[in-house]
Amino acid sequence: MSPDDDLPRRADDVLVVLARQDLDPLSVEELHARIAGLEAEIVRTRRKIEGAVNHRATADALFKR
């Protein structure tokens, strides 16, 4: 856990906006579409993490840390 986890996020932080959004007016189809979009973003984020980890491992191997 980071020390910054306790700090308030910016008001325009996309996660804050998503968490505050009222889901009541959305239809079941819209909720499914929202989930699909969020799952796609999770996959994209995991790929970014994997790329960063691989990049770091390559750099560490190059410089033999």
PDB file of N, CA and C in Angstrom:
ATOM      1  N   MET A   1       0.852  -1.187   0.000  1.00  0.00           N
ATOM      2  CA  MET A   1       0.000   0.000   0.000  1.00  0.00           C
ATOM      3  C   MET A   1       0.889   1.239   0.000  1.00  0.00           C
ATOM      4  N   SER A   2       0.577   2.141  -0.891  1.00  0.00           N
ATOM      5  CA  SER A   2       1.337   3.372  -1.021  1.00  0.00           C
ATOM      6  C   SER A   2       0.832   4.419  -0.025  1.00  0.00           C
ATOM      7  N   PRO A   3       1.704   5.286   0.463  1.00  0.00           N
ATOM      8  CA  PRO A   3       1.251   6.357   1.355  1.00  0.00           C
ATOM      9  C   PRO A   3       0.239   7.285   0.668  1.00  0.00           C
ATOM     10  N   ASP A   4       0.307   7.346  -0.657  1.00  0.00           N
ATOM     11  CA  ASP A   4      -0.622   8.199  -1.397  1.00  0.00           C
ATOM     12  C   ASP A   4      -2.031   7.626  -1.467  1.00  0.00           C
ATOM     13  N   ASP A   5      -2.216   6.347  -1.080  1.00  0.00           N
ATOM     14  CA  ASP A   5      -3.535   5.729  -1.140  1.00  0.00           C
ATOM     15  C   ASP A   5      -4.541   6.426  -0.233  1.00  0.00           C
ATOM     16  N   ASP A   6      -4.055   7.070   0.821  1.00  0.00           N
ATOM     17  CA  ASP A   6      -4.954   7.747   1.756  1.00  0.00           C
ATOM     18  C   ASP A   6      -5.302   9.163   1.309  1.00  0.00           C
ATOM     19  N   LEU A   7      -4.569   9.675   0.321  1.00  0.00           N
ATOM     20  CA  LEU A   7      -4.819  11.040  -0.142  1.00  0.00           C
ATOM     21  C   LEU A   7      -6.022  11.072  -1.077  1.00  0.00           C
ATOM     22  N   PRO A   8      -6.783  12.140  -1.039  1.00  0.00           N
ATOM     23  CA  PRO A   8      -7.926  12.228  -1.955  1.00  0.00           C
ATOM     24  C   PRO A   8      -7.438  12.337  -3.392  1.00  0.00           C
ATOM     25  N   ARG A   9      -8.165  11.727  -4.286  1.00  0.00           N
ATOM     26  CA  ARG A   9      -7.830  11.812  -5.697  1.00  0.00           C
ATOM     27  C   ARG A   9      -8.368  13.105  -6.264  1.00  0.00           C
ATOM     28  N   ARG A  10      -7.837  13.465  -7.422  1.00  0.00           N
ATOM     29  CA  ARG A  10      -8.335  14.658  -8.109  1.00  0.00           C
ATOM     30  C   ARG A  10      -9.814  14.451  -8.447  1.00  0.00           C
ATOM     31  N   ALA A  11     -10.553  15.514  -8.439  1.00  0.00           N
ATOM     32  CA  ALA A  11     -11.991  15.432  -8.709  1.00  0.00           C
ATOM     33  C   ALA A  11     -12.279  14.915 -10.107  1.00  0.00           C
ATOM     34  N   ASP A  12     -11.366  15.149 -11.056  1.00  0.00           N
ATOM     35  CA  ASP A  12     -11.593  14.694 -12.423  1.00  0.00           C
ATOM     36  C   ASP A  12     -10.936  13.343 -12.716  1.00  0.00           C
ATOM     37  N   ASP A  13     -10.451  12.642 -11.680  1.00  0.00           N
ATOM     38  CA  ASP A  13      -9.870  11.313 -11.847  1.00  0.00           C
ATOM     39  C   ASP A  13     -10.948  10.387 -12.415  1.00  0.00           C
ATOM     40  N   VAL A  14     -10.614   9.705 -13.499  1.00  0.00           N
ATOM     41  CA  VAL A  14     -11.597   8.877 -14.197  1.00  0.00           C
ATOM     42  C   VAL A  14     -12.181   7.783 -13.290  1.00  0.00           C
ATOM     43  N   LEU A  15     -11.379   7.228 -12.389  1.00  0.00           N
ATOM     44  CA  LEU A  15     -11.905   6.205 -11.482  1.00  0.00           C
ATOM     45  C   LEU A  15     -12.902   6.789 -10.491  1.00  0.00           C
ATOM     46  N   VAL A  16     -12.642   8.002 -10.041  1.00  0.00           N
ATOM     47  CA  VAL A  16     -13.574   8.673  -9.138  1.00  0.00           C
ATOM     48  C   VAL A  16     -14.882   8.947  -9.869  1.00  0.00           C
ATOM     49  N   VAL A  17     -14.770   9.428 -11.091  1.00  0.00           N
ATOM     50  CA  VAL A  17     -15.972   9.722 -11.890  1.00  0.00           C
ATOM     51  C   VAL A  17     -16.772   8.445 -12.115  1.00  0.00           C
ATOM     52  N   LEU A  18     -16.104   7.355 -12.471  1.00  0.00           N
ATOM     53  CA  LEU A  18     -16.806   6.087 -12.688  1.00  0.00           C
ATOM     54  C   LEU A  18     -17.493   5.588 -11.422  1.00  0.00           C
ATOM     55  N   ALA A  19     -16.795   5.680 -10.302  1.00  0.00           N
ATOM     56  CA  ALA A  19     -17.356   5.189  -9.044  1.00  0.00           C
ATOM     57  C   ALA A  19     -18.561   6.002  -8.585  1.00  0.00           C
ATOM     58  N   ARG A  20     -18.587   7.264  -8.957  1.00  0.00           N
ATOM     59  CA  ARG A  20     -19.696   8.130  -8.532  1.00  0.00           C
ATOM     60  C   ARG A  20     -20.877   8.115  -9.496  1.00  0.00           C
ATOM     61  N   GLN A  21     -20.673   7.566 -10.674  1.00  0.00           N
ATOM     62  CA  GLN A  21     -21.740   7.589 -11.675  1.00  0.00           C
ATOM     63  C   GLN A  21     -22.934   6.760 -11.204  1.00  0.00           C
ATOM     64  N   ASP A  22     -24.111   7.345 -11.339  1.00  0.00           N
ATOM     65  CA  ASP A  22     -25.349   6.661 -10.977  1.00  0.00           C
ATOM     66  C   ASP A  22     -25.663   5.626 -12.051  1.00  0.00           C
ATOM     67  N   LEU A  23     -25.752   4.370 -11.653  1.00  0.00           N
ATOM     68  CA  LEU A  23     -26.017   3.292 -12.596  1.00  0.00           C
ATOM     69  C   LEU A  23     -27.503   3.032 -12.790  1.00  0.00           C
ATOM     70  N   ASP A  24     -28.340   3.606 -11.954  1.00  0.00           N
ATOM     71  CA  ASP A  24     -29.779   3.353 -12.026  1.00  0.00           C
ATOM     72  C   ASP A  24     -30.401   3.664 -13.386  1.00  0.00           C
ATOM     73  N   PRO A  25     -30.024   4.763 -14.046  1.00  0.00           N
ATOM     74  CA  PRO A  25     -30.676   5.058 -15.323  1.00  0.00           C
ATOM     75  C   PRO A  25     -30.211   4.178 -16.493  1.00  0.00           C
ATOM     76  N   LEU A  26     -29.191   3.369 -16.287  1.00  0.00           N
ATOM     77  CA  LEU A  26     -28.658   2.558 -17.378  1.00  0.00           C
ATOM     78  C   LEU A  26     -29.471   1.278 -17.559  1.00  0.00           C
ATOM     79  N   SER A  27     -29.654   0.909 -18.820  1.00  0.00           N
ATOM     80  CA  SER A  27     -30.353  -0.341 -19.124  1.00  0.00           C
ATOM     81  C   SER A  27     -29.394  -1.510 -18.918  1.00  0.00           C
ATOM     82  N   VAL A  28     -29.943  -2.710 -18.960  1.00  0.00           N
ATOM     83  CA  VAL A  28     -29.121  -3.909 -18.820  1.00  0.00           C
ATOM     84  C   VAL A  28     -28.093  -3.954 -19.951  1.00  0.00           C
ATOM     85  N   GLU A  29     -28.511  -3.612 -21.168  1.00  0.00           N
ATOM     86  CA  GLU A  29     -27.589  -3.611 -22.300  1.00  0.00           C
ATOM     87  C   GLU A  29     -26.463  -2.592 -22.087  1.00  0.00           C
ATOM     88  N   GLU A  30     -26.808  -1.431 -21.568  1.00  0.00           N
ATOM     89  CA  GLU A  30     -25.794  -0.406 -21.295  1.00  0.00           C
ATOM     90  C   GLU A  30     -24.839  -0.848 -20.190  1.00  0.00           C
ATOM     91  N   LEU A  31     -25.373  -1.548 -19.204  1.00  0.00           N
ATOM     92  CA  LEU A  31     -24.518  -2.059 -18.130  1.00  0.00           C
ATOM     93  C   LEU A  31     -23.562  -3.129 -18.656  1.00  0.00           C
ATOM     94  N   HIS A  32     -24.057  -3.998 -19.542  1.00  0.00           N
ATOM     95  CA  HIS A  32     -23.190  -5.003 -20.164  1.00  0.00           C
ATOM     96  C   HIS A  32     -22.107  -4.321 -21.004  1.00  0.00           C
ATOM     97  N   ALA A  33     -22.469  -3.288 -21.731  1.00  0.00           N
ATOM     98  CA  ALA A  33     -21.498  -2.552 -22.541  1.00  0.00           C
ATOM     99  C   ALA A  33     -20.464  -1.881 -21.644  1.00  0.00           C
ATOM    100  N   ARG A  34     -20.904  -1.366 -20.522  1.00  0.00           N
ATOM    101  CA  ARG A  34     -19.980  -0.734 -19.571  1.00  0.00           C
ATOM    102  C   ARG A  34     -18.986  -1.758 -19.041  1.00  0.00           C
ATOM    103  N   ILE A  35     -19.474  -2.923 -18.667  1.00  0.00           N
ATOM    104  CA  ILE A  35     -18.614  -3.990 -18.176  1.00  0.00           C
ATOM    105  C   ILE A  35     -17.614  -4.402 -19.252  1.00  0.00           C
ATOM    106  N   ALA A  36     -18.076  -4.551 -20.491  1.00  0.00           N
ATOM    107  CA  ALA A  36     -17.175  -4.932 -21.588  1.00  0.00           C
ATOM    108  C   ALA A  36     -16.078  -3.886 -21.772  1.00  0.00           C
ATOM    109  N   GLY A  37     -16.444  -2.626 -21.698  1.00  0.00           N
ATOM    110  CA  GLY A  37     -15.459  -1.562 -21.824  1.00  0.00           C
ATOM    111  C   GLY A  37     -14.456  -1.566 -20.687  1.00  0.00           C
ATOM    112  N   LEU A  38     -14.945  -1.790 -19.477  1.00  0.00           N
ATOM    113  CA  LEU A  38     -14.056  -1.845 -18.311  1.00  0.00           C
ATOM    114  C   LEU A  38     -13.130  -3.058 -18.375  1.00  0.00           C
ATOM    115  N   GLU A  39     -13.658  -4.198 -18.825  1.00  0.00           N
ATOM    116  CA  GLU A  39     -12.821  -5.389 -18.966  1.00  0.00           C
ATOM    117  C   GLU A  39     -11.744  -5.184 -20.029  1.00  0.00           C
ATOM    118  N   ALA A  40     -12.092  -4.507 -21.124  1.00  0.00           N
ATOM    119  CA  ALA A  40     -11.106  -4.200 -22.165  1.00  0.00           C
ATOM    120  C   ALA A  40     -10.019  -3.288 -21.608  1.00  0.00           C
ATOM    121  N   GLU A  41     -10.392  -2.346 -20.773  1.00  0.00           N
ATOM    122  CA  GLU A  41      -9.412  -1.450 -20.167  1.00  0.00           C
ATOM    123  C   GLU A  41      -8.512  -2.205 -19.189  1.00  0.00           C
ATOM    124  N   ILE A  42      -9.067  -3.176 -18.482  1.00  0.00           N
ATOM    125  CA  ILE A  42      -8.265  -4.007 -17.579  1.00  0.00           C
ATOM    126  C   ILE A  42      -7.232  -4.787 -18.381  1.00  0.00           C
ATOM    127  N   VAL A  43      -7.632  -5.375 -19.506  1.00  0.00           N
ATOM    128  CA  VAL A  43      -6.697  -6.108 -20.360  1.00  0.00           C
ATOM    129  C   VAL A  43      -5.601  -5.174 -20.860  1.00  0.00           C
ATOM    130  N   ARG A  44      -5.968  -3.985 -21.310  1.00  0.00           N
ATOM    131  CA  ARG A  44      -4.993  -3.013 -21.805  1.00  0.00           C
ATOM    132  C   ARG A  44      -4.006  -2.625 -20.701  1.00  0.00           C
ATOM    133  N   THR A  45      -4.515  -2.422 -19.503  1.00  0.00           N
ATOM    134  CA  THR A  45      -3.668  -2.041 -18.373  1.00  0.00           C
ATOM    135  C   THR A  45      -2.732  -3.182 -17.987  1.00  0.00           C
ATOM    136  N   ARG A  46      -3.237  -4.407 -17.987  1.00  0.00           N
ATOM    137  CA  ARG A  46      -2.385  -5.563 -17.663  1.00  0.00           C
ATOM    138  C   ARG A  46      -1.277  -5.732 -18.702  1.00  0.00           C
ATOM    139  N   ARG A  47      -1.596  -5.487 -19.970  1.00  0.00           N
ATOM    140  CA  ARG A  47      -0.570  -5.555 -21.011  1.00  0.00           C
ATOM    141  C   ARG A  47       0.502  -4.493 -20.792  1.00  0.00           C
ATOM    142  N   LYS A  48       0.093  -3.316 -20.374  1.00  0.00           N
ATOM    143  CA  LYS A  48       1.046  -2.241 -20.094  1.00  0.00           C
ATOM    144  C   LYS A  48       1.965  -2.633 -18.938  1.00  0.00           C
ATOM    145  N   ILE A  49       1.391  -3.207 -17.901  1.00  0.00           N
ATOM    146  CA  ILE A  49       2.186  -3.671 -16.763  1.00  0.00           C
ATOM    147  C   ILE A  49       3.167  -4.737 -17.220  1.00  0.00           C
ATOM    148  N   GLU A  50       2.695  -5.701 -17.991  1.00  0.00           N
ATOM    149  CA  GLU A  50       3.555  -6.777 -18.486  1.00  0.00           C
ATOM    150  C   GLU A  50       4.703  -6.207 -19.320  1.00  0.00           C
ATOM    151  N   GLY A  51       4.398  -5.247 -20.181  1.00  0.00           N
ATOM    152  CA  GLY A  51       5.439  -4.618 -20.990  1.00  0.00           C
ATOM    153  C   GLY A  51       6.460  -3.896 -20.135  1.00  0.00           C
ATOM    154  N   ALA A  52       5.992  -3.212 -19.099  1.00  0.00           N
ATOM    155  CA  ALA A  52       6.895  -2.492 -18.212  1.00  0.00           C
ATOM    156  C   ALA A  52       7.787  -3.463 -17.444  1.00  0.00           C
ATOM    157  N   VAL A  53       7.215  -4.553 -16.976  1.00  0.00           N
ATOM    158  CA  VAL A  53       7.990  -5.556 -16.244  1.00  0.00           C
ATOM    159  C   VAL A  53       9.031  -6.188 -17.166  1.00  0.00           C
ATOM    160  N   ASN A  54       8.621  -6.517 -18.395  1.00  0.00           N
ATOM    161  CA  ASN A  54       9.557  -7.116 -19.348  1.00  0.00           C
ATOM    162  C   ASN A  54      10.667  -6.136 -19.713  1.00  0.00           C
ATOM    163  N   HIS A  55      10.301  -4.889 -19.887  1.00  0.00           N
ATOM    164  CA  HIS A  55      11.293  -3.863 -20.205  1.00  0.00           C
ATOM    165  C   HIS A  55      12.312  -3.755 -19.071  1.00  0.00           C
ATOM    166  N   ARG A  56      11.828  -3.762 -17.860  1.00  0.00           N
ATOM    167  CA  ARG A  56      12.703  -3.673 -16.687  1.00  0.00           C
ATOM    168  C   ARG A  56      13.611  -4.889 -16.609  1.00  0.00           C
ATOM    169  N   ALA A  57      13.060  -6.073 -16.863  1.00  0.00           N
ATOM    170  CA  ALA A  57      13.860  -7.289 -16.807  1.00  0.00           C
ATOM    171  C   ALA A  57      14.951  -7.261 -17.873  1.00  0.00           C
ATOM    172  N   THR A  58      14.613  -6.762 -19.058  1.00  0.00           N
ATOM    173  CA  THR A  58      15.599  -6.644 -20.130  1.00  0.00           C
ATOM    174  C   THR A  58      16.705  -5.680 -19.732  1.00  0.00           C
ATOM    175  N   ALA A  59      16.334  -4.543 -19.181  1.00  0.00           N
ATOM    176  CA  ALA A  59      17.324  -3.562 -18.741  1.00  0.00           C
ATOM    177  C   ALA A  59      18.191  -4.128 -17.622  1.00  0.00           C
ATOM    178  N   ASP A  60      17.585  -4.821 -16.680  1.00  0.00           N
ATOM    179  CA  ASP A  60      18.349  -5.419 -15.579  1.00  0.00           C
ATOM    180  C   ASP A  60      19.338  -6.458 -16.116  1.00  0.00           C
ATOM    181  N   ALA A  61      18.906  -7.268 -17.087  1.00  0.00           N
ATOM    182  CA  ALA A  61      19.790  -8.280 -17.664  1.00  0.00           C
ATOM    183  C   ALA A  61      20.933  -7.611 -18.419  1.00  0.00           C
ATOM    184  N   LEU A  62      20.623  -6.518 -19.099  1.00  0.00           N
ATOM    185  CA  LEU A  62      21.644  -5.810 -19.867  1.00  0.00           C
ATOM    186  C   LEU A  62      22.719  -5.231 -18.961  1.00  0.00           C
ATOM    187  N   PHE A  63      22.269  -4.662 -17.851  1.00  0.00           N
ATOM    188  CA  PHE A  63      23.205  -4.023 -16.931  1.00  0.00           C
ATOM    189  C   PHE A  63      23.595  -4.918 -15.768  1.00  0.00           C
ATOM    190  N   LYS A  64      23.104  -6.163 -15.783  1.00  0.00           N
ATOM    191  CA  LYS A  64      23.429  -7.189 -14.771  1.00  0.00           C
ATOM    192  C   LYS A  64      23.309  -6.661 -13.346  1.00  0.00           C
ATOM    193  N   ARG A  65      22.124  -6.204 -13.038  1.00  0.00           N
ATOM    194  CA  ARG A  65      21.866  -5.694 -11.676  1.00  0.00           C
ATOM    195  C   ARG A  65      21.842  -6.801 -10.683  1.00  0.00           C
TER     196      ARG A  65
END
